[in-house]
């Protein structure tokens, strides 16, 4: 089982949400009325999932890349932004 904040974080931080056609995160989140606790959980979950994606992208097979060049570096920037 999961919760709404974690599920929203999964959508936002999934590599498909930013690698080619970036999701407008602010507009997306405006569709939901989050409680203060959910807002905190969303931020924490986004940090966790951004780190997960960084590890997944960093360990991608170089002979058969699934993501565009520079995706690891862009994800690292996302992680640093979320941790700031």
PDB file of N, CA and C in Angstrom:
ATOM      1  N   UNK A   1       0.838  -1.177   0.000  1.00  0.00           N
ATOM      2  CA  UNK A   1       0.000   0.000   0.000  1.00  0.00           C
ATOM      3  C   UNK A   1       0.886   1.244   0.000  1.00  0.00           C
ATOM      4  N   UNK A   2       0.355   2.268  -0.559  1.00  0.00           N
ATOM      5  CA  UNK A   2       1.073   3.531  -0.624  1.00  0.00           C
ATOM      6  C   UNK A   2       0.121   4.633  -0.177  1.00  0.00           C
ATOM      7  N   UNK A   3       0.549   5.855  -0.378  1.00  0.00           N
ATOM      8  CA  UNK A   3      -0.317   6.981  -0.067  1.00  0.00           C
ATOM      9  C   UNK A   3      -0.269   7.977  -1.219  1.00  0.00           C
ATOM     10  N   UNK A   4      -1.170   8.905  -1.197  1.00  0.00           N
ATOM     11  CA  UNK A   4      -1.320   9.848  -2.299  1.00  0.00           C
ATOM     12  C   UNK A   4      -0.053  10.662  -2.551  1.00  0.00           C
ATOM     13  N   UNK A   5       0.590  11.137  -1.507  1.00  0.00           N
ATOM     14  CA  UNK A   5       1.786  11.962  -1.675  1.00  0.00           C
ATOM     15  C   UNK A   5       2.907  11.166  -2.357  1.00  0.00           C
ATOM     16  N   UNK A   6       3.080   9.912  -1.952  1.00  0.00           N
ATOM     17  CA  UNK A   6       4.123   9.093  -2.566  1.00  0.00           C
ATOM     18  C   UNK A   6       3.797   8.814  -4.030  1.00  0.00           C
ATOM     19  N   UNK A   7       2.546   8.520  -4.324  1.00  0.00           N
ATOM     20  CA  UNK A   7       2.146   8.247  -5.706  1.00  0.00           C
ATOM     21  C   UNK A   7       2.356   9.480  -6.589  1.00  0.00           C
ATOM     22  N   UNK A   8       2.027  10.649  -6.081  1.00  0.00           N
ATOM     23  CA  UNK A   8       2.276  11.877  -6.845  1.00  0.00           C
ATOM     24  C   UNK A   8       3.768  12.075  -7.071  1.00  0.00           C
ATOM     25  N   UNK A   9       4.566  11.799  -6.059  1.00  0.00           N
ATOM     26  CA  UNK A   9       6.018  11.914  -6.198  1.00  0.00           C
ATOM     27  C   UNK A   9       6.535  10.952  -7.259  1.00  0.00           C
ATOM     28  N   UNK A  10       5.974   9.745  -7.316  1.00  0.00           N
ATOM     29  CA  UNK A  10       6.408   8.783  -8.338  1.00  0.00           C
ATOM     30  C   UNK A  10       6.134   9.311  -9.738  1.00  0.00           C
ATOM     31  N   UNK A  11       5.000   9.927  -9.926  1.00  0.00           N
ATOM     32  CA  UNK A  11       4.673  10.482 -11.247  1.00  0.00           C
ATOM     33  C   UNK A  11       5.633  11.617 -11.592  1.00  0.00           C
ATOM     34  N   UNK A  12       5.841  12.520 -10.650  1.00  0.00           N
ATOM     35  CA  UNK A  12       6.681  13.695 -10.887  1.00  0.00           C
ATOM     36  C   UNK A  12       8.135  13.317 -11.135  1.00  0.00           C
ATOM     37  N   UNK A  13       8.651  12.373 -10.374  1.00  0.00           N
ATOM     38  CA  UNK A  13      10.071  12.047 -10.469  1.00  0.00           C
ATOM     39  C   UNK A  13      10.402  10.952 -11.466  1.00  0.00           C
ATOM     40  N   UNK A  14       9.388  10.313 -12.038  1.00  0.00           N
ATOM     41  CA  UNK A  14       9.675   9.295 -13.054  1.00  0.00           C
ATOM     42  C   UNK A  14      10.428   9.951 -14.202  1.00  0.00           C
ATOM     43  N   UNK A  15      11.442   9.277 -14.692  1.00  0.00           N
ATOM     44  CA  UNK A  15      12.282   9.843 -15.744  1.00  0.00           C
ATOM     45  C   UNK A  15      11.454  10.259 -16.961  1.00  0.00           C
ATOM     46  N   UNK A  16      10.380   9.542 -17.234  1.00  0.00           N
ATOM     47  CA  UNK A  16       9.516   9.891 -18.357  1.00  0.00           C
ATOM     48  C   UNK A  16       8.782  11.204 -18.185  1.00  0.00           C
ATOM     49  N   UNK A  17       8.751  11.721 -16.969  1.00  0.00           N
ATOM     50  CA  UNK A  17       8.060  12.987 -16.707  1.00  0.00           C
ATOM     51  C   UNK A  17       8.915  14.211 -16.996  1.00  0.00           C
ATOM     52  N   UNK A  18      10.185  13.999 -17.319  1.00  0.00           N
ATOM     53  CA  UNK A  18      11.017  15.173 -17.574  1.00  0.00           C
ATOM     54  C   UNK A  18      12.026  15.004 -18.706  1.00  0.00           C
ATOM     55  N   UNK A  19      12.360  13.800 -19.088  1.00  0.00           N
ATOM     56  CA  UNK A  19      13.491  13.609 -19.998  1.00  0.00           C
ATOM     57  C   UNK A  19      13.258  14.203 -21.391  1.00  0.00           C
ATOM     58  N   UNK A  20      12.048  14.091 -21.941  1.00  0.00           N
ATOM     59  CA  UNK A  20      11.802  14.648 -23.274  1.00  0.00           C
ATOM     60  C   UNK A  20      10.762  15.758 -23.261  1.00  0.00           C
ATOM     61  N   UNK A  21       9.663  15.507 -22.628  1.00  0.00           N
ATOM     62  CA  UNK A  21       8.557  16.464 -22.573  1.00  0.00           C
ATOM     63  C   UNK A  21       8.261  16.743 -21.100  1.00  0.00           C
ATOM     64  N   UNK A  22       8.916  17.766 -20.543  1.00  0.00           N
ATOM     65  CA  UNK A  22       8.798  18.014 -19.098  1.00  0.00           C
ATOM     66  C   UNK A  22       7.369  18.271 -18.627  1.00  0.00           C
ATOM     67  N   UNK A  23       7.034  17.608 -17.550  1.00  0.00           N
ATOM     68  CA  UNK A  23       5.769  17.813 -16.870  1.00  0.00           C
ATOM     69  C   UNK A  23       5.817  19.162 -16.150  1.00  0.00           C
ATOM     70  N   UNK A  24       4.750  19.924 -16.259  1.00  0.00           N
ATOM     71  CA  UNK A  24       4.643  21.171 -15.502  1.00  0.00           C
ATOM     72  C   UNK A  24       4.211  20.783 -14.086  1.00  0.00           C
ATOM     73  N   UNK A  25       5.198  20.626 -13.215  1.00  0.00           N
ATOM     74  CA  UNK A  25       4.951  20.105 -11.867  1.00  0.00           C
ATOM     75  C   UNK A  25       3.995  21.003 -11.095  1.00  0.00           C
ATOM     76  N   UNK A  26       4.184  22.293 -11.164  1.00  0.00           N
ATOM     77  CA  UNK A  26       3.311  23.215 -10.431  1.00  0.00           C
ATOM     78  C   UNK A  26       1.867  23.081 -10.887  1.00  0.00           C
ATOM     79  N   UNK A  27       1.646  23.071 -12.193  1.00  0.00           N
ATOM     80  CA  UNK A  27       0.282  22.943 -12.721  1.00  0.00           C
ATOM     81  C   UNK A  27      -0.318  21.590 -12.348  1.00  0.00           C
ATOM     82  N   UNK A  28       0.495  20.557 -12.391  1.00  0.00           N
ATOM     83  CA  UNK A  28       0.028  19.220 -12.021  1.00  0.00           C
ATOM     84  C   UNK A  28      -0.409  19.186 -10.561  1.00  0.00           C
ATOM     85  N   UNK A  29       0.438  19.715  -9.687  1.00  0.00           N
ATOM     86  CA  UNK A  29       0.138  19.662  -8.257  1.00  0.00           C
ATOM     87  C   UNK A  29      -1.028  20.565  -7.856  1.00  0.00           C
ATOM     88  N   UNK A  30      -1.307  21.596  -8.665  1.00  0.00           N
ATOM     89  CA  UNK A  30      -2.452  22.467  -8.380  1.00  0.00           C
ATOM     90  C   UNK A  30      -3.770  21.713  -8.461  1.00  0.00           C
ATOM     91  N   UNK A  31      -3.765  20.534  -9.073  1.00  0.00           N
ATOM     92  CA  UNK A  31      -4.973  19.732  -9.215  1.00  0.00           C
ATOM     93  C   UNK A  31      -5.348  19.000  -7.921  1.00  0.00           C
ATOM     94  N   UNK A  32      -4.461  19.083  -6.926  1.00  0.00           N
ATOM     95  CA  UNK A  32      -4.660  18.344  -5.681  1.00  0.00           C
ATOM     96  C   UNK A  32      -4.581  19.286  -4.483  1.00  0.00           C
ATOM     97  N   UNK A  33      -5.465  19.087  -3.547  1.00  0.00           N
ATOM     98  CA  UNK A  33      -5.404  19.837  -2.289  1.00  0.00           C
ATOM     99  C   UNK A  33      -4.654  18.954  -1.298  1.00  0.00           C
ATOM    100  N   UNK A  34      -3.393  19.301  -1.062  1.00  0.00           N
ATOM    101  CA  UNK A  34      -2.566  18.508  -0.167  1.00  0.00           C
ATOM    102  C   UNK A  34      -2.572  19.105   1.232  1.00  0.00           C
ATOM    103  N   UNK A  35      -2.660  18.252   2.213  1.00  0.00           N
ATOM    104  CA  UNK A  35      -2.559  18.701   3.600  1.00  0.00           C
ATOM    105  C   UNK A  35      -1.100  19.058   3.883  1.00  0.00           C
ATOM    106  N   UNK A  36      -0.830  19.778   4.961  1.00  0.00           N
ATOM    107  CA  UNK A  36       0.562  20.057   5.310  1.00  0.00           C
ATOM    108  C   UNK A  36       1.395  18.771   5.464  1.00  0.00           C
ATOM    109  N   UNK A  37       0.812  17.744   6.033  1.00  0.00           N
ATOM    110  CA  UNK A  37       1.536  16.472   6.185  1.00  0.00           C
ATOM    111  C   UNK A  37       1.823  15.852   4.821  1.00  0.00           C
ATOM    112  N   UNK A  38       0.863  15.927   3.897  1.00  0.00           N
ATOM    113  CA  UNK A  38       1.083  15.388   2.552  1.00  0.00           C
ATOM    114  C   UNK A  38       2.147  16.188   1.800  1.00  0.00           C
ATOM    115  N   UNK A  39       2.160  17.490   2.000  1.00  0.00           N
ATOM    116  CA  UNK A  39       3.168  18.330   1.352  1.00  0.00           C
ATOM    117  C   UNK A  39       4.567  17.939   1.820  1.00  0.00           C
ATOM    118  N   UNK A  40       4.709  17.704   3.104  1.00  0.00           N
ATOM    119  CA  UNK A  40       5.992  17.264   3.653  1.00  0.00           C
ATOM    120  C   UNK A  40       6.360  15.895   3.096  1.00  0.00           C
ATOM    121  N   UNK A  41       5.406  14.976   3.098  1.00  0.00           N
ATOM    122  CA  UNK A  41       5.656  13.624   2.580  1.00  0.00           C
ATOM    123  C   UNK A  41       5.981  13.666   1.096  1.00  0.00           C
ATOM    124  N   UNK A  42       5.328  14.533   0.333  1.00  0.00           N
ATOM    125  CA  UNK A  42       5.619  14.682  -1.091  1.00  0.00           C
ATOM    126  C   UNK A  42       7.071  15.097  -1.294  1.00  0.00           C
ATOM    127  N   UNK A  43       7.524  16.107  -0.552  1.00  0.00           N
ATOM    128  CA  UNK A  43       8.902  16.583  -0.679  1.00  0.00           C
ATOM    129  C   UNK A  43       9.892  15.464  -0.346  1.00  0.00           C
ATOM    130  N   UNK A  44       9.646  14.754   0.748  1.00  0.00           N
ATOM    131  CA  UNK A  44      10.549  13.664   1.148  1.00  0.00           C
ATOM    132  C   UNK A  44      10.533  12.534   0.126  1.00  0.00           C
ATOM    133  N   UNK A  45       9.365  12.211  -0.386  1.00  0.00           N
ATOM    134  CA  UNK A  45       9.247  11.139  -1.373  1.00  0.00           C
ATOM    135  C   UNK A  45       9.913  11.514  -2.689  1.00  0.00           C
ATOM    136  N   UNK A  46       9.786  12.773  -3.087  1.00  0.00           N
ATOM    137  CA  UNK A  46      10.450  13.223  -4.314  1.00  0.00           C
ATOM    138  C   UNK A  46      11.962  13.091  -4.179  1.00  0.00           C
ATOM    139  N   UNK A  47      12.492  13.441  -3.027  1.00  0.00           N
ATOM    140  CA  UNK A  47      13.933  13.306  -2.805  1.00  0.00           C
ATOM    141  C   UNK A  47      14.365  11.850  -2.927  1.00  0.00           C
ATOM    142  N   UNK A  48      13.630  10.971  -2.270  1.00  0.00           N
ATOM    143  CA  UNK A  48      13.947   9.551  -2.317  1.00  0.00           C
ATOM    144  C   UNK A  48      13.890   9.018  -3.742  1.00  0.00           C
ATOM    145  N   UNK A  49      12.817   9.310  -4.436  1.00  0.00           N
ATOM    146  CA  UNK A  49      12.647   8.781  -5.789  1.00  0.00           C
ATOM    147  C   UNK A  49      13.628   9.394  -6.780  1.00  0.00           C
ATOM    148  N   UNK A  50      13.990  10.636  -6.592  1.00  0.00           N
ATOM    149  CA  UNK A  50      15.004  11.246  -7.455  1.00  0.00           C
ATOM    150  C   UNK A  50      16.346  10.535  -7.276  1.00  0.00           C
ATOM    151  N   UNK A  51      16.671  10.169  -6.051  1.00  0.00           N
ATOM    152  CA  UNK A  51      17.900   9.405  -5.806  1.00  0.00           C
ATOM    153  C   UNK A  51      17.823   8.020  -6.436  1.00  0.00           C
ATOM    154  N   UNK A  52      16.678   7.376  -6.332  1.00  0.00           N
ATOM    155  CA  UNK A  52      16.502   6.066  -6.962  1.00  0.00           C
ATOM    156  C   UNK A  52      16.758   6.172  -8.461  1.00  0.00           C
ATOM    157  N   UNK A  53      16.153   7.186  -9.094  1.00  0.00           N
ATOM    158  CA  UNK A  53      16.351   7.356 -10.537  1.00  0.00           C
ATOM    159  C   UNK A  53      17.801   7.680 -10.876  1.00  0.00           C
ATOM    160  N   UNK A  54      18.469   8.421 -10.029  1.00  0.00           N
ATOM    161  CA  UNK A  54      19.880   8.707 -10.282  1.00  0.00           C
ATOM    162  C   UNK A  54      20.680   7.410 -10.312  1.00  0.00           C
ATOM    163  N   UNK A  55      20.452   6.537  -9.344  1.00  0.00           N
ATOM    164  CA  UNK A  55      21.158   5.257  -9.323  1.00  0.00           C
ATOM    165  C   UNK A  55      20.798   4.397 -10.536  1.00  0.00           C
ATOM    166  N   UNK A  56      19.535   4.374 -10.899  1.00  0.00           N
ATOM    167  CA  UNK A  56      19.127   3.580 -12.062  1.00  0.00           C
ATOM    168  C   UNK A  56      19.760   4.107 -13.344  1.00  0.00           C
ATOM    169  N   UNK A  57      19.739   5.405 -13.520  1.00  0.00           N
ATOM    170  CA  UNK A  57      20.325   5.990 -14.728  1.00  0.00           C
ATOM    171  C   UNK A  57      21.839   5.819 -14.759  1.00  0.00           C
ATOM    172  N   UNK A  58      22.474   5.946 -13.603  1.00  0.00           N
ATOM    173  CA  UNK A  58      23.935   5.822 -13.549  1.00  0.00           C
ATOM    174  C   UNK A  58      24.386   4.403 -13.852  1.00  0.00           C
ATOM    175  N   UNK A  59      23.519   3.427 -13.631  1.00  0.00           N
ATOM    176  CA  UNK A  59      23.877   2.027 -13.871  1.00  0.00           C
ATOM    177  C   UNK A  59      23.337   1.491 -15.190  1.00  0.00           C
ATOM    178  N   UNK A  60      22.898   2.375 -16.053  1.00  0.00           N
ATOM    179  CA  UNK A  60      22.382   1.967 -17.356  1.00  0.00           C
ATOM    180  C   UNK A  60      23.496   1.363 -18.200  1.00  0.00           C
ATOM    181  N   UNK A  61      23.163   0.345 -18.978  1.00  0.00           N
ATOM    182  CA  UNK A  61      24.148  -0.280 -19.858  1.00  0.00           C
ATOM    183  C   UNK A  61      24.572   0.714 -20.935  1.00  0.00           C
ATOM    184  N   UNK A  62      25.869   0.952 -21.035  1.00  0.00           N
ATOM    185  CA  UNK A  62      26.359   1.919 -22.018  1.00  0.00           C
ATOM    186  C   UNK A  62      26.212   1.414 -23.449  1.00  0.00           C
ATOM    187  N   UNK A  63      26.203   0.093 -23.643  1.00  0.00           N
ATOM    188  CA  UNK A  63      26.058  -0.466 -24.997  1.00  0.00           C
ATOM    189  C   UNK A  63      24.625  -0.354 -25.514  1.00  0.00           C
ATOM    190  N   UNK A  64      23.663  -0.314 -24.601  1.00  0.00           N
ATOM    191  CA  UNK A  64      22.247  -0.258 -24.972  1.00  0.00           C
ATOM    192  C   UNK A  64      21.518   0.798 -24.142  1.00  0.00           C
ATOM    193  N   UNK A  65      21.853   2.076 -24.345  1.00  0.00           N
ATOM    194  CA  UNK A  65      21.204   3.112 -23.539  1.00  0.00           C
ATOM    195  C   UNK A  65      19.717   3.229 -23.862  1.00  0.00           C
ATOM    196  N   UNK A  66      18.923   3.446 -22.812  1.00  0.00           N
ATOM    197  CA  UNK A  66      17.484   3.623 -22.979  1.00  0.00           C
ATOM    198  C   UNK A  66      17.097   5.088 -22.872  1.00  0.00           C
ATOM    199  N   UNK A  67      18.027   5.905 -22.407  1.00  0.00           N
ATOM    200  CA  UNK A  67      17.732   7.319 -22.183  1.00  0.00           C
ATOM    201  C   UNK A  67      18.690   8.181 -22.986  1.00  0.00           C
ATOM    202  N   UNK A  68      18.286   9.407 -23.270  1.00  0.00           N
ATOM    203  CA  UNK A  68      19.130  10.280 -24.087  1.00  0.00           C
ATOM    204  C   UNK A  68      20.431  10.652 -23.382  1.00  0.00           C
ATOM    205  N   UNK A  69      21.431  11.027 -24.164  1.00  0.00           N
ATOM    206  CA  UNK A  69      22.696  11.464 -23.569  1.00  0.00           C
ATOM    207  C   UNK A  69      22.459  12.625 -22.603  1.00  0.00           C
ATOM    208  N   UNK A  70      23.188  12.622 -21.502  1.00  0.00           N
ATOM    209  CA  UNK A  70      23.080  13.693 -20.515  1.00  0.00           C
ATOM    210  C   UNK A  70      22.010  13.465 -19.469  1.00  0.00           C
ATOM    211  N   UNK A  71      21.267  12.357 -19.565  1.00  0.00           N
ATOM    212  CA  UNK A  71      20.174  12.112 -18.610  1.00  0.00           C
ATOM    213  C   UNK A  71      20.699  11.962 -17.191  1.00  0.00           C
ATOM    214  N   UNK A  72      21.846  11.320 -17.024  1.00  0.00           N
ATOM    215  CA  UNK A  72      22.405  11.133 -15.670  1.00  0.00           C
ATOM    216  C   UNK A  72      22.761  12.480 -15.066  1.00  0.00           C
ATOM    217  N   UNK A  73      23.391  13.317 -15.853  1.00  0.00           N
ATOM    218  CA  UNK A  73      23.786  14.632 -15.354  1.00  0.00           C
ATOM    219  C   UNK A  73      22.563  15.481 -15.013  1.00  0.00           C
ATOM    220  N   UNK A  74      21.556  15.415 -15.861  1.00  0.00           N
ATOM    221  CA  UNK A  74      20.323  16.164 -15.586  1.00  0.00           C
ATOM    222  C   UNK A  74      19.642  15.657 -14.321  1.00  0.00           C
ATOM    223  N   UNK A  75      19.663  14.330 -14.132  1.00  0.00           N
ATOM    224  CA  UNK A  75      19.061  13.780 -12.928  1.00  0.00           C
ATOM    225  C   UNK A  75      19.859  14.186 -11.700  1.00  0.00           C
ATOM    226  N   UNK A  76      21.172  14.205 -11.798  1.00  0.00           N
ATOM    227  CA  UNK A  76      21.992  14.646 -10.668  1.00  0.00           C
ATOM    228  C   UNK A  76      21.644  16.081 -10.290  1.00  0.00           C
ATOM    229  N   UNK A  77      21.420  16.928 -11.281  1.00  0.00           N
ATOM    230  CA  UNK A  77      21.009  18.311 -11.021  1.00  0.00           C
ATOM    231  C   UNK A  77      19.647  18.357 -10.325  1.00  0.00           C
ATOM    232  N   UNK A  78      18.732  17.476 -10.732  1.00  0.00           N
ATOM    233  CA  UNK A  78      17.413  17.416 -10.098  1.00  0.00           C
ATOM    234  C   UNK A  78      17.553  17.024  -8.630  1.00  0.00           C
ATOM    235  N   UNK A  79      18.400  16.047  -8.359  1.00  0.00           N
ATOM    236  CA  UNK A  79      18.616  15.601  -6.989  1.00  0.00           C
ATOM    237  C   UNK A  79      19.156  16.745  -6.147  1.00  0.00           C
ATOM    238  N   UNK A  80      20.171  17.424  -6.646  1.00  0.00           N
ATOM    239  CA  UNK A  80      20.762  18.539  -5.892  1.00  0.00           C
ATOM    240  C   UNK A  80      19.740  19.638  -5.632  1.00  0.00           C
ATOM    241  N   UNK A  81      18.897  19.912  -6.612  1.00  0.00           N
ATOM    242  CA  UNK A  81      17.856  20.934  -6.436  1.00  0.00           C
ATOM    243  C   UNK A  81      16.865  20.526  -5.349  1.00  0.00           C
ATOM    244  N   UNK A  82      16.478  19.261  -5.354  1.00  0.00           N
ATOM    245  CA  UNK A  82      15.521  18.778  -4.346  1.00  0.00           C
ATOM    246  C   UNK A  82      16.126  18.714  -2.938  1.00  0.00           C
ATOM    247  N   UNK A  83      17.431  18.532  -2.848  1.00  0.00           N
ATOM    248  CA  UNK A  83      18.089  18.442  -1.552  1.00  0.00           C
ATOM    249  C   UNK A  83      18.453  19.811  -0.978  1.00  0.00           C
ATOM    250  N   UNK A  84      18.386  20.844  -1.821  1.00  0.00           N
ATOM    251  CA  UNK A  84      18.763  22.192  -1.370  1.00  0.00           C
ATOM    252  C   UNK A  84      17.759  22.757  -0.384  1.00  0.00           C
TER     253      UNK A  84
END
